[in-house]
Amino acid sequence: MNLKPETLKRIDEVITHYPVKRSATLPLLHLVQEDAGHISDEAVAWIAQKLELEPINVLEVVTFYPMFRRKPIGRRHIKVCRTLSCALVGGYKTCETFEKEFDTHVGINHISPDGEVTVEFVECLASCGTAPVVLIDDTLHQKVDVTKAKALSAQIKAEAAARK
């Protein structure tokens, strides 16, 4: 595993918080995904070894929880809420706007051609009163209509251009 030294240090520290190593499976998966971007087969095997488990025991957890990704995604992760409150006030149009802006399709297996963005429909983001809501990486954006989705897209594109 090619993890940052600070991630490895946090992993070793987290394990000490649990009387049974197996109980650290979820926190370790989160730390690895935060660092690597997804949970590879190599990561599953590495975590299993670290926690003295069989790889299938870790894979069961990875495949049970939808927040764990088995494949890489775009550098930026756009999550659009699709539950009733957001859908009623334009969440689907918001999502379509992001798809068009980044020439991609919704879904964790799709990445924009430039590798910059993955757009995903998700369940409730817990801000129904300010629908439609969008989570871009770790930042919640509220009342994201088509106009605001285009503005957010332009901002993401500008940030990507500035990095080049």
N, C-alpha and C. Protein backbone atom coordinates (compact mmCIF):
# COMPACT_ATOMS: atom_id res chain seq x y z
N MET A 1 0.85 -1.19 0.00
CA MET A 1 0.00 0.00 0.00
C MET A 1 0.89 1.24 0.00
N ASN A 2 0.50 2.18 -0.81
CA ASN A 2 1.25 3.43 -0.93
C ASN A 2 0.45 4.55 -0.26
N LEU A 3 0.45 4.56 1.06
CA LEU A 3 -0.28 5.57 1.82
C LEU A 3 0.69 6.60 2.38
N LYS A 4 0.18 7.80 2.63
CA LYS A 4 1.00 8.86 3.21
C LYS A 4 1.43 8.45 4.63
N PRO A 5 2.61 8.89 5.04
CA PRO A 5 3.08 8.56 6.39
C PRO A 5 2.09 8.99 7.48
N GLU A 6 1.44 10.15 7.30
CA GLU A 6 0.48 10.59 8.33
C GLU A 6 -0.75 9.67 8.38
N THR A 7 -1.15 9.11 7.24
CA THR A 7 -2.26 8.16 7.22
C THR A 7 -1.86 6.89 7.96
N LEU A 8 -0.68 6.40 7.69
CA LEU A 8 -0.19 5.19 8.37
C LEU A 8 -0.12 5.40 9.88
N LYS A 9 0.31 6.59 10.28
CA LYS A 9 0.38 6.91 11.71
C LYS A 9 -1.02 6.93 12.32
N ARG A 10 -1.98 7.54 11.62
CA ARG A 10 -3.36 7.59 12.12
C ARG A 10 -3.95 6.19 12.21
N ILE A 11 -3.66 5.35 11.23
CA ILE A 11 -4.16 3.97 11.24
C ILE A 11 -3.66 3.23 12.47
N ASP A 12 -2.36 3.32 12.71
CA ASP A 12 -1.79 2.64 13.89
C ASP A 12 -2.41 3.17 15.18
N GLU A 13 -2.66 4.47 15.23
CA GLU A 13 -3.25 5.07 16.42
C GLU A 13 -4.71 4.65 16.61
N VAL A 14 -5.47 4.60 15.51
CA VAL A 14 -6.89 4.22 15.59
C VAL A 14 -7.06 2.80 16.11
N ILE A 15 -6.21 1.92 15.67
CA ILE A 15 -6.33 0.51 16.09
C ILE A 15 -6.24 0.38 17.61
N THR A 16 -5.47 1.24 18.26
CA THR A 16 -5.31 1.15 19.72
C THR A 16 -6.59 1.51 20.47
N HIS A 17 -7.55 2.12 19.80
CA HIS A 17 -8.79 2.53 20.45
C HIS A 17 -9.78 1.37 20.62
N TYR A 18 -9.49 0.23 20.04
CA TYR A 18 -10.42 -0.89 20.04
C TYR A 18 -9.82 -2.10 20.73
N PRO A 19 -10.56 -2.70 21.67
CA PRO A 19 -10.04 -3.87 22.36
C PRO A 19 -9.92 -5.08 21.43
N VAL A 20 -10.72 -5.10 20.36
CA VAL A 20 -10.65 -6.16 19.35
C VAL A 20 -10.29 -5.48 18.03
N LYS A 21 -9.19 -5.88 17.42
CA LYS A 21 -8.72 -5.21 16.20
C LYS A 21 -9.79 -5.13 15.11
N ARG A 22 -10.57 -6.18 14.96
CA ARG A 22 -11.60 -6.25 13.92
C ARG A 22 -12.52 -5.02 13.96
N SER A 23 -12.74 -4.48 15.14
CA SER A 23 -13.63 -3.34 15.31
C SER A 23 -13.11 -2.07 14.63
N ALA A 24 -11.84 -2.06 14.25
CA ALA A 24 -11.25 -0.90 13.58
C ALA A 24 -11.44 -0.96 12.05
N THR A 25 -12.16 -1.94 11.55
CA THR A 25 -12.32 -2.10 10.10
C THR A 25 -12.89 -0.85 9.45
N LEU A 26 -14.02 -0.36 9.94
CA LEU A 26 -14.65 0.83 9.33
C LEU A 26 -13.74 2.06 9.37
N PRO A 27 -13.17 2.40 10.52
CA PRO A 27 -12.28 3.57 10.53
C PRO A 27 -11.10 3.42 9.57
N LEU A 28 -10.53 2.23 9.48
CA LEU A 28 -9.39 2.03 8.58
C LEU A 28 -9.82 2.17 7.12
N LEU A 29 -10.98 1.66 6.79
CA LEU A 29 -11.49 1.82 5.42
C LEU A 29 -11.67 3.29 5.07
N HIS A 30 -12.21 4.05 6.01
CA HIS A 30 -12.38 5.49 5.77
C HIS A 30 -11.04 6.18 5.56
N LEU A 31 -10.07 5.85 6.40
CA LEU A 31 -8.75 6.48 6.29
C LEU A 31 -8.06 6.13 4.97
N VAL A 32 -8.15 4.87 4.57
CA VAL A 32 -7.53 4.44 3.31
C VAL A 32 -8.21 5.11 2.13
N GLN A 33 -9.55 5.15 2.14
CA GLN A 33 -10.25 5.77 1.02
C GLN A 33 -9.96 7.27 0.96
N GLU A 34 -9.87 7.91 2.11
CA GLU A 34 -9.56 9.34 2.16
C GLU A 34 -8.19 9.62 1.52
N ASP A 35 -7.25 8.72 1.74
CA ASP A 35 -5.90 8.90 1.22
C ASP A 35 -5.80 8.44 -0.24
N ALA A 36 -6.29 7.25 -0.53
CA ALA A 36 -6.10 6.64 -1.85
C ALA A 36 -7.22 6.97 -2.83
N GLY A 37 -8.36 7.40 -2.34
CA GLY A 37 -9.48 7.74 -3.21
C GLY A 37 -10.47 6.62 -3.44
N HIS A 38 -10.07 5.40 -3.17
CA HIS A 38 -10.95 4.24 -3.31
C HIS A 38 -10.34 3.07 -2.53
N ILE A 39 -11.08 1.97 -2.47
CA ILE A 39 -10.61 0.79 -1.76
C ILE A 39 -10.28 -0.28 -2.81
N SER A 40 -9.01 -0.45 -3.07
CA SER A 40 -8.55 -1.44 -4.06
C SER A 40 -8.49 -2.83 -3.42
N ASP A 41 -8.29 -3.86 -4.27
CA ASP A 41 -8.09 -5.21 -3.74
C ASP A 41 -6.85 -5.26 -2.85
N GLU A 42 -5.83 -4.51 -3.25
CA GLU A 42 -4.61 -4.44 -2.45
C GLU A 42 -4.90 -3.85 -1.07
N ALA A 43 -5.75 -2.82 -1.03
CA ALA A 43 -6.12 -2.19 0.24
C ALA A 43 -6.89 -3.16 1.13
N VAL A 44 -7.82 -3.92 0.52
CA VAL A 44 -8.58 -4.92 1.28
C VAL A 44 -7.63 -5.91 1.93
N ALA A 45 -6.68 -6.42 1.15
CA ALA A 45 -5.73 -7.40 1.67
C ALA A 45 -4.84 -6.78 2.76
N TRP A 46 -4.41 -5.54 2.55
CA TRP A 46 -3.54 -4.86 3.50
C TRP A 46 -4.25 -4.64 4.84
N ILE A 47 -5.51 -4.16 4.77
CA ILE A 47 -6.29 -3.92 5.99
C ILE A 47 -6.53 -5.24 6.71
N ALA A 48 -6.86 -6.27 5.95
CA ALA A 48 -7.10 -7.59 6.56
C ALA A 48 -5.86 -8.06 7.32
N GLN A 49 -4.70 -7.92 6.70
CA GLN A 49 -3.46 -8.33 7.35
C GLN A 49 -3.21 -7.49 8.60
N LYS A 50 -3.44 -6.20 8.49
CA LYS A 50 -3.21 -5.27 9.60
C LYS A 50 -4.10 -5.62 10.80
N LEU A 51 -5.32 -6.08 10.51
CA LEU A 51 -6.30 -6.37 11.58
C LEU A 51 -6.38 -7.86 11.90
N GLU A 52 -5.49 -8.65 11.28
CA GLU A 52 -5.45 -10.10 11.51
C GLU A 52 -6.79 -10.75 11.15
N LEU A 53 -7.28 -10.39 9.98
CA LEU A 53 -8.53 -10.93 9.45
C LEU A 53 -8.28 -11.58 8.09
N GLU A 54 -9.27 -12.26 7.60
CA GLU A 54 -9.23 -12.75 6.23
C GLU A 54 -9.70 -11.61 5.32
N PRO A 55 -9.16 -11.51 4.11
CA PRO A 55 -9.61 -10.44 3.21
C PRO A 55 -11.12 -10.41 2.98
N ILE A 56 -11.77 -11.55 2.97
CA ILE A 56 -13.22 -11.58 2.74
C ILE A 56 -13.96 -10.84 3.84
N ASN A 57 -13.41 -10.85 5.07
CA ASN A 57 -14.05 -10.14 6.18
C ASN A 57 -14.05 -8.63 5.95
N VAL A 58 -13.00 -8.11 5.35
CA VAL A 58 -12.92 -6.69 5.04
C VAL A 58 -13.78 -6.39 3.81
N LEU A 59 -13.72 -7.25 2.81
CA LEU A 59 -14.50 -7.06 1.59
C LEU A 59 -16.00 -7.05 1.88
N GLU A 60 -16.44 -7.85 2.84
CA GLU A 60 -17.86 -7.84 3.23
C GLU A 60 -18.29 -6.45 3.69
N VAL A 61 -17.44 -5.79 4.44
CA VAL A 61 -17.75 -4.45 4.94
C VAL A 61 -17.74 -3.44 3.79
N VAL A 62 -16.74 -3.54 2.93
CA VAL A 62 -16.62 -2.62 1.78
C VAL A 62 -17.86 -2.71 0.89
N THR A 63 -18.31 -3.91 0.61
CA THR A 63 -19.44 -4.08 -0.32
C THR A 63 -20.79 -3.83 0.35
N PHE A 64 -20.84 -3.84 1.67
CA PHE A 64 -22.09 -3.57 2.37
C PHE A 64 -22.42 -2.08 2.39
N TYR A 65 -21.41 -1.25 2.64
CA TYR A 65 -21.63 0.18 2.80
C TYR A 65 -21.43 0.93 1.48
N PRO A 66 -22.42 1.70 1.06
CA PRO A 66 -22.32 2.37 -0.25
C PRO A 66 -21.32 3.53 -0.30
N MET A 67 -20.82 3.98 0.84
CA MET A 67 -19.88 5.11 0.80
C MET A 67 -18.47 4.68 0.40
N PHE A 68 -18.24 3.38 0.37
CA PHE A 68 -16.92 2.91 -0.04
C PHE A 68 -16.91 2.65 -1.54
N ARG A 69 -15.85 3.16 -2.19
CA ARG A 69 -15.72 3.02 -3.64
C ARG A 69 -14.65 2.00 -3.96
N ARG A 70 -14.94 1.13 -4.92
CA ARG A 70 -13.98 0.10 -5.33
C ARG A 70 -13.12 0.56 -6.50
N LYS A 71 -13.52 1.65 -7.14
CA LYS A 71 -12.77 2.16 -8.29
C LYS A 71 -12.49 3.64 -8.08
N PRO A 72 -11.44 4.14 -8.73
CA PRO A 72 -11.15 5.58 -8.63
C PRO A 72 -12.29 6.41 -9.22
N ILE A 73 -12.42 7.62 -8.72
CA ILE A 73 -13.40 8.57 -9.26
C ILE A 73 -12.64 9.82 -9.71
N GLY A 74 -13.38 10.79 -10.24
CA GLY A 74 -12.76 12.05 -10.63
C GLY A 74 -12.15 12.76 -9.44
N ARG A 75 -11.29 13.73 -9.73
CA ARG A 75 -10.64 14.48 -8.66
C ARG A 75 -11.65 15.20 -7.78
N ARG A 76 -12.75 15.65 -8.38
CA ARG A 76 -13.83 16.31 -7.65
C ARG A 76 -15.06 15.40 -7.67
N HIS A 77 -15.74 15.29 -6.55
CA HIS A 77 -16.90 14.41 -6.42
C HIS A 77 -18.13 15.26 -6.16
N ILE A 78 -19.03 15.28 -7.14
CA ILE A 78 -20.27 16.05 -7.02
C ILE A 78 -21.40 15.09 -6.71
N LYS A 79 -22.02 15.27 -5.55
CA LYS A 79 -23.13 14.42 -5.12
C LYS A 79 -24.39 15.28 -5.12
N VAL A 80 -25.37 14.86 -5.91
CA VAL A 80 -26.63 15.59 -6.01
C VAL A 80 -27.72 14.78 -5.32
N CYS A 81 -28.42 15.42 -4.39
CA CYS A 81 -29.50 14.73 -3.68
C CYS A 81 -30.66 14.44 -4.63
N ARG A 82 -31.19 13.24 -4.53
CA ARG A 82 -32.30 12.87 -5.41
C ARG A 82 -33.59 12.53 -4.64
N THR A 83 -33.61 12.76 -3.34
CA THR A 83 -34.80 12.41 -2.59
C THR A 83 -35.92 13.42 -2.86
N LEU A 84 -37.07 13.17 -2.33
CA LEU A 84 -38.30 13.87 -2.71
C LEU A 84 -38.20 15.39 -2.63
N SER A 85 -37.73 15.92 -1.52
CA SER A 85 -37.67 17.38 -1.38
C SER A 85 -36.83 18.01 -2.48
N CYS A 86 -35.69 17.42 -2.77
CA CYS A 86 -34.81 17.96 -3.81
C CYS A 86 -35.40 17.72 -5.21
N ALA A 87 -35.97 16.55 -5.41
CA ALA A 87 -36.55 16.23 -6.73
C ALA A 87 -37.69 17.18 -7.07
N LEU A 88 -38.50 17.53 -6.09
CA LEU A 88 -39.66 18.39 -6.35
C LEU A 88 -39.28 19.81 -6.77
N VAL A 89 -38.09 20.26 -6.37
CA VAL A 89 -37.70 21.63 -6.70
C VAL A 89 -36.54 21.69 -7.70
N GLY A 90 -36.33 20.59 -8.44
CA GLY A 90 -35.40 20.65 -9.56
C GLY A 90 -34.10 19.90 -9.42
N GLY A 91 -33.99 19.01 -8.48
CA GLY A 91 -32.76 18.25 -8.29
C GLY A 91 -32.32 17.48 -9.52
N TYR A 92 -33.27 16.93 -10.27
CA TYR A 92 -32.93 16.17 -11.46
C TYR A 92 -32.37 17.09 -12.55
N LYS A 93 -32.92 18.28 -12.68
CA LYS A 93 -32.40 19.24 -13.64
C LYS A 93 -31.00 19.72 -13.22
N THR A 94 -30.80 19.87 -11.94
CA THR A 94 -29.48 20.24 -11.42
C THR A 94 -28.47 19.17 -11.81
N CYS A 95 -28.83 17.92 -11.61
CA CYS A 95 -27.92 16.82 -11.92
C CYS A 95 -27.63 16.78 -13.43
N GLU A 96 -28.66 16.94 -14.25
CA GLU A 96 -28.48 16.96 -15.70
C GLU A 96 -27.54 18.09 -16.11
N THR A 97 -27.61 19.21 -15.44
CA THR A 97 -26.74 20.35 -15.74
C THR A 97 -25.28 19.97 -15.50
N PHE A 98 -25.00 19.34 -14.36
CA PHE A 98 -23.63 18.91 -14.08
C PHE A 98 -23.16 17.89 -15.13
N GLU A 99 -24.03 16.98 -15.52
CA GLU A 99 -23.66 16.00 -16.55
C GLU A 99 -23.26 16.70 -17.85
N LYS A 100 -24.07 17.66 -18.26
CA LYS A 100 -23.79 18.40 -19.50
C LYS A 100 -22.53 19.24 -19.38
N GLU A 101 -22.38 19.93 -18.28
CA GLU A 101 -21.22 20.81 -18.08
C GLU A 101 -19.89 20.05 -18.13
N PHE A 102 -19.91 18.80 -17.65
CA PHE A 102 -18.67 18.03 -17.58
C PHE A 102 -18.63 16.87 -18.57
N ASP A 103 -19.60 16.83 -19.48
CA ASP A 103 -19.64 15.81 -20.53
C ASP A 103 -19.46 14.40 -19.95
N THR A 104 -20.27 14.11 -18.95
CA THR A 104 -20.19 12.81 -18.29
C THR A 104 -21.60 12.31 -17.99
N HIS A 105 -21.68 11.16 -17.41
CA HIS A 105 -22.97 10.59 -16.99
C HIS A 105 -22.94 10.41 -15.48
N VAL A 106 -24.14 10.36 -14.92
CA VAL A 106 -24.26 10.15 -13.50
C VAL A 106 -23.80 8.73 -13.17
N GLY A 107 -23.13 8.59 -12.09
CA GLY A 107 -22.74 7.27 -11.63
C GLY A 107 -21.29 7.21 -11.19
N ILE A 108 -21.05 6.41 -10.20
CA ILE A 108 -19.74 6.30 -9.60
C ILE A 108 -18.73 5.73 -10.59
N ASN A 109 -19.19 5.05 -11.64
CA ASN A 109 -18.28 4.46 -12.62
C ASN A 109 -17.98 5.38 -13.78
N HIS A 110 -18.48 6.61 -13.75
CA HIS A 110 -18.24 7.56 -14.83
C HIS A 110 -17.38 8.71 -14.34
N ILE A 111 -16.40 9.06 -15.15
CA ILE A 111 -15.52 10.18 -14.84
C ILE A 111 -15.51 11.07 -16.07
N SER A 112 -15.53 12.38 -15.86
CA SER A 112 -15.48 13.31 -16.99
C SER A 112 -14.22 13.03 -17.82
N PRO A 113 -14.26 13.33 -19.12
CA PRO A 113 -13.11 13.03 -19.99
C PRO A 113 -11.78 13.62 -19.51
N ASP A 114 -11.83 14.73 -18.80
CA ASP A 114 -10.59 15.34 -18.30
C ASP A 114 -10.14 14.74 -16.96
N GLY A 115 -10.92 13.78 -16.44
CA GLY A 115 -10.58 13.14 -15.17
C GLY A 115 -10.92 13.97 -13.95
N GLU A 116 -11.56 15.09 -14.18
CA GLU A 116 -11.78 16.04 -13.10
C GLU A 116 -12.97 15.71 -12.21
N VAL A 117 -14.08 15.20 -12.79
CA VAL A 117 -15.33 15.14 -12.04
C VAL A 117 -16.04 13.79 -12.16
N THR A 118 -16.60 13.36 -11.06
CA THR A 118 -17.59 12.28 -11.03
C THR A 118 -18.86 12.88 -10.43
N VAL A 119 -19.98 12.68 -11.13
CA VAL A 119 -21.27 13.17 -10.66
C VAL A 119 -22.08 11.96 -10.20
N GLU A 120 -22.63 12.06 -9.01
CA GLU A 120 -23.38 10.94 -8.45
C GLU A 120 -24.69 11.42 -7.86
N PHE A 121 -25.75 10.64 -8.07
CA PHE A 121 -27.01 10.87 -7.37
C PHE A 121 -26.91 10.16 -6.04
N VAL A 122 -27.29 10.82 -4.96
CA VAL A 122 -27.22 10.21 -3.64
C VAL A 122 -28.55 10.40 -2.91
N GLU A 123 -28.69 9.65 -1.86
CA GLU A 123 -29.87 9.82 -1.03
C GLU A 123 -29.66 11.05 -0.14
N CYS A 124 -30.61 11.32 0.66
CA CYS A 124 -30.72 12.55 1.45
C CYS A 124 -29.40 13.10 1.99
N LEU A 125 -29.19 14.38 1.73
CA LEU A 125 -28.02 15.09 2.27
C LEU A 125 -28.41 15.93 3.49
N ALA A 126 -29.63 15.72 3.98
CA ALA A 126 -30.09 16.29 5.26
C ALA A 126 -30.17 17.81 5.26
N SER A 127 -30.65 18.37 4.17
CA SER A 127 -30.88 19.81 4.12
C SER A 127 -32.13 20.08 3.27
N CYS A 128 -33.20 19.37 3.58
CA CYS A 128 -34.42 19.40 2.77
C CYS A 128 -35.02 20.80 2.63
N GLY A 129 -34.86 21.62 3.64
CA GLY A 129 -35.43 22.96 3.60
C GLY A 129 -34.71 23.91 2.65
N THR A 130 -33.54 23.50 2.16
CA THR A 130 -32.78 24.35 1.24
C THR A 130 -32.53 23.62 -0.08
N ALA A 131 -33.46 22.78 -0.45
CA ALA A 131 -33.33 21.95 -1.65
C ALA A 131 -33.39 22.81 -2.92
N PRO A 132 -32.80 22.30 -4.01
CA PRO A 132 -31.98 21.09 -4.09
C PRO A 132 -30.57 21.34 -3.55
N VAL A 133 -30.03 20.29 -2.94
CA VAL A 133 -28.70 20.42 -2.34
C VAL A 133 -27.70 19.53 -3.07
N VAL A 134 -26.46 20.01 -3.05
CA VAL A 134 -25.36 19.33 -3.73
C VAL A 134 -24.16 19.35 -2.78
N LEU A 135 -23.49 18.22 -2.69
CA LEU A 135 -22.27 18.13 -1.90
C LEU A 135 -21.11 17.98 -2.88
N ILE A 136 -20.24 18.98 -2.92
CA ILE A 136 -19.06 18.92 -3.78
C ILE A 136 -17.88 18.70 -2.87
N ASP A 137 -17.30 17.53 -2.99
CA ASP A 137 -16.26 17.07 -2.07
C ASP A 137 -16.86 17.12 -0.66
N ASP A 138 -16.43 18.02 0.19
CA ASP A 138 -16.97 18.07 1.55
C ASP A 138 -17.77 19.35 1.81
N THR A 139 -18.11 20.08 0.75
CA THR A 139 -18.81 21.36 0.92
C THR A 139 -20.25 21.24 0.44
N LEU A 140 -21.19 21.55 1.33
CA LEU A 140 -22.61 21.50 0.98
C LEU A 140 -23.03 22.81 0.31
N HIS A 141 -23.72 22.69 -0.81
CA HIS A 141 -24.25 23.85 -1.52
C HIS A 141 -25.78 23.73 -1.52
N GLN A 142 -26.44 24.80 -1.16
CA GLN A 142 -27.89 24.78 -1.00
C GLN A 142 -28.58 25.57 -2.11
N LYS A 143 -29.83 25.20 -2.35
CA LYS A 143 -30.66 25.86 -3.37
C LYS A 143 -29.92 25.92 -4.71
N VAL A 144 -29.43 24.77 -5.14
CA VAL A 144 -28.64 24.68 -6.38
C VAL A 144 -29.58 24.43 -7.56
N ASP A 145 -30.00 25.52 -8.18
CA ASP A 145 -30.81 25.41 -9.40
C ASP A 145 -29.86 25.31 -10.58
N VAL A 146 -30.40 25.32 -11.80
CA VAL A 146 -29.59 25.19 -13.01
C VAL A 146 -28.55 26.31 -13.09
N THR A 147 -28.95 27.53 -12.80
CA THR A 147 -28.02 28.67 -12.87
C THR A 147 -26.87 28.50 -11.89
N LYS A 148 -27.18 28.11 -10.66
CA LYS A 148 -26.13 27.93 -9.66
C LYS A 148 -25.26 26.72 -10.01
N ALA A 149 -25.85 25.67 -10.59
CA ALA A 149 -25.06 24.50 -11.01
C ALA A 149 -24.06 24.90 -12.09
N LYS A 150 -24.47 25.76 -13.01
CA LYS A 150 -23.56 26.24 -14.05
C LYS A 150 -22.43 27.08 -13.44
N ALA A 151 -22.76 27.90 -12.47
CA ALA A 151 -21.74 28.72 -11.80
C ALA A 151 -20.75 27.85 -11.04
N LEU A 152 -21.24 26.84 -10.33
CA LEU A 152 -20.36 25.93 -9.61
C LEU A 152 -19.47 25.16 -10.59
N SER A 153 -20.04 24.77 -11.72
CA SER A 153 -19.27 24.07 -12.74
C SER A 153 -18.16 24.95 -13.28
N ALA A 154 -18.48 26.20 -13.54
CA ALA A 154 -17.48 27.15 -14.04
C ALA A 154 -16.35 27.32 -13.02
N GLN A 155 -16.71 27.36 -11.75
CA GLN A 155 -15.70 27.50 -10.69
C GLN A 155 -14.78 26.28 -10.67
N ILE A 156 -15.36 25.10 -10.77
CA ILE A 156 -14.56 23.86 -10.78
C ILE A 156 -13.63 23.85 -11.99
N LYS A 157 -14.15 24.24 -13.15
CA LYS A 157 -13.33 24.26 -14.37
C LYS A 157 -12.20 25.28 -14.23
N ALA A 158 -12.47 26.44 -13.64
CA ALA A 158 -11.45 27.45 -13.45
C ALA A 158 -10.36 26.97 -12.49
N GLU A 159 -10.75 26.31 -11.44
CA GLU A 159 -9.78 25.77 -10.48
C GLU A 159 -8.92 24.71 -11.14
N ALA A 160 -9.53 23.87 -11.99
CA ALA A 160 -8.77 22.84 -12.70
C ALA A 160 -7.78 23.48 -13.66
N ALA A 161 -8.21 24.51 -14.36
CA ALA A 161 -7.32 25.20 -15.31
C ALA A 161 -6.15 25.87 -14.58
N ALA A 162 -6.41 26.39 -13.40
CA ALA A 162 -5.36 27.06 -12.64
C ALA A 162 -4.28 26.08 -12.15
N ARG A 163 -4.67 24.83 -11.96
CA ARG A 163 -3.70 23.81 -11.51
C ARG A 163 -2.78 23.38 -12.64
N LYS A 164 -3.17 23.61 -13.88
CA LYS A 164 -2.38 23.12 -15.02
C LYS A 164 -1.26 24.04 -15.37
